[in-house]
Amino acid sequence: MTKSKTKKSRREFLKAAGVTGAAAGAAAVVLSENKAQAAKPDSGQKVGYRETEHVKTYYELARF
């Protein structure tokens, strides 16, 4: 086997492996039955930034 044949067969193998991997990934996504759900707060509290005690402590320690 010559060097060019070896290189060509390696290239062909890597191309095929890439295409096969991409197809398998796409099939897994399409066939997946689980749907992603957005997280919902358990209580009536507001969602978002909250300035809690540990956040206030960080702000105090971060001042120069």
Protein backbone atom coordinates (compact mmCIF):
# COMPACT_ATOMS: atom_id res chain seq x y z
CA MET A 1 0.00 0.00 0.00
CA THR A 2 1.40 3.41 -0.88
CA LYS A 3 1.33 6.50 1.24
CA SER A 4 -1.27 8.24 -0.91
CA LYS A 5 -3.66 5.29 -0.64
CA THR A 6 -3.20 5.19 3.14
CA LYS A 7 -3.86 8.92 3.45
CA LYS A 8 -6.85 8.72 1.15
CA SER A 9 -8.39 5.84 3.04
CA ARG A 10 -7.87 7.68 6.34
CA ARG A 11 -9.56 10.74 4.90
CA GLU A 12 -12.45 8.70 3.64
CA PHE A 13 -12.79 7.00 7.02
CA LEU A 14 -12.83 10.31 8.89
CA LYS A 15 -15.38 11.79 6.49
CA ALA A 16 -17.63 8.78 6.92
CA ALA A 17 -17.23 8.85 10.70
CA GLY A 18 -18.19 12.53 10.80
CA VAL A 19 -21.26 12.05 8.65
CA THR A 20 -22.34 8.98 10.62
CA GLY A 21 -21.89 10.76 13.95
CA ALA A 22 -23.87 13.78 12.79
CA ALA A 23 -26.68 11.59 11.48
CA ALA A 24 -26.83 9.63 14.74
CA GLY A 25 -26.98 12.86 16.76
CA ALA A 26 -29.77 14.26 14.60
CA ALA A 27 -31.72 11.01 14.88
CA ALA A 28 -31.38 11.04 18.67
CA VAL A 29 -32.81 14.56 18.84
CA VAL A 30 -35.70 13.76 16.51
CA LEU A 31 -36.60 10.51 18.23
CA SER A 32 -36.34 11.92 21.75
CA GLU A 33 -39.69 11.82 23.54
CA ASN A 34 -38.72 14.06 26.46
CA LYS A 35 -39.64 17.68 25.98
CA ALA A 36 -37.67 20.39 27.76
CA GLN A 37 -39.71 22.30 30.30
CA ALA A 38 -38.95 25.75 31.61
CA ALA A 39 -38.34 25.92 35.34
CA LYS A 40 -41.29 27.32 37.25
CA PRO A 41 -41.09 28.84 40.72
CA ASP A 42 -42.69 26.65 43.40
CA SER A 43 -44.06 29.54 45.42
CA GLY A 44 -45.45 32.95 44.61
CA GLN A 45 -42.06 34.62 45.04
CA LYS A 46 -40.71 36.87 42.33
CA VAL A 47 -38.08 35.36 40.10
CA GLY A 48 -34.91 37.27 39.35
CA TYR A 49 -32.18 39.12 41.17
CA ARG A 50 -32.40 39.08 44.94
CA GLU A 51 -30.00 40.95 47.18
CA THR A 52 -29.61 38.39 49.95
CA GLU A 53 -27.24 38.53 52.92
CA HIS A 54 -24.46 36.61 51.18
CA VAL A 55 -24.71 38.94 48.18
CA LYS A 56 -24.45 41.96 50.45
CA THR A 57 -21.42 40.40 52.15
CA TYR A 58 -19.77 39.89 48.77
CA TYR A 59 -20.39 43.52 47.84
CA GLU A 60 -18.82 44.66 51.10
CA LEU A 61 -15.73 42.49 50.64
CA ALA A 62 -15.30 43.38 46.97
CA ARG A 63 -14.89 47.12 47.58
CA PHE A 64 -11.42 48.50 47.03
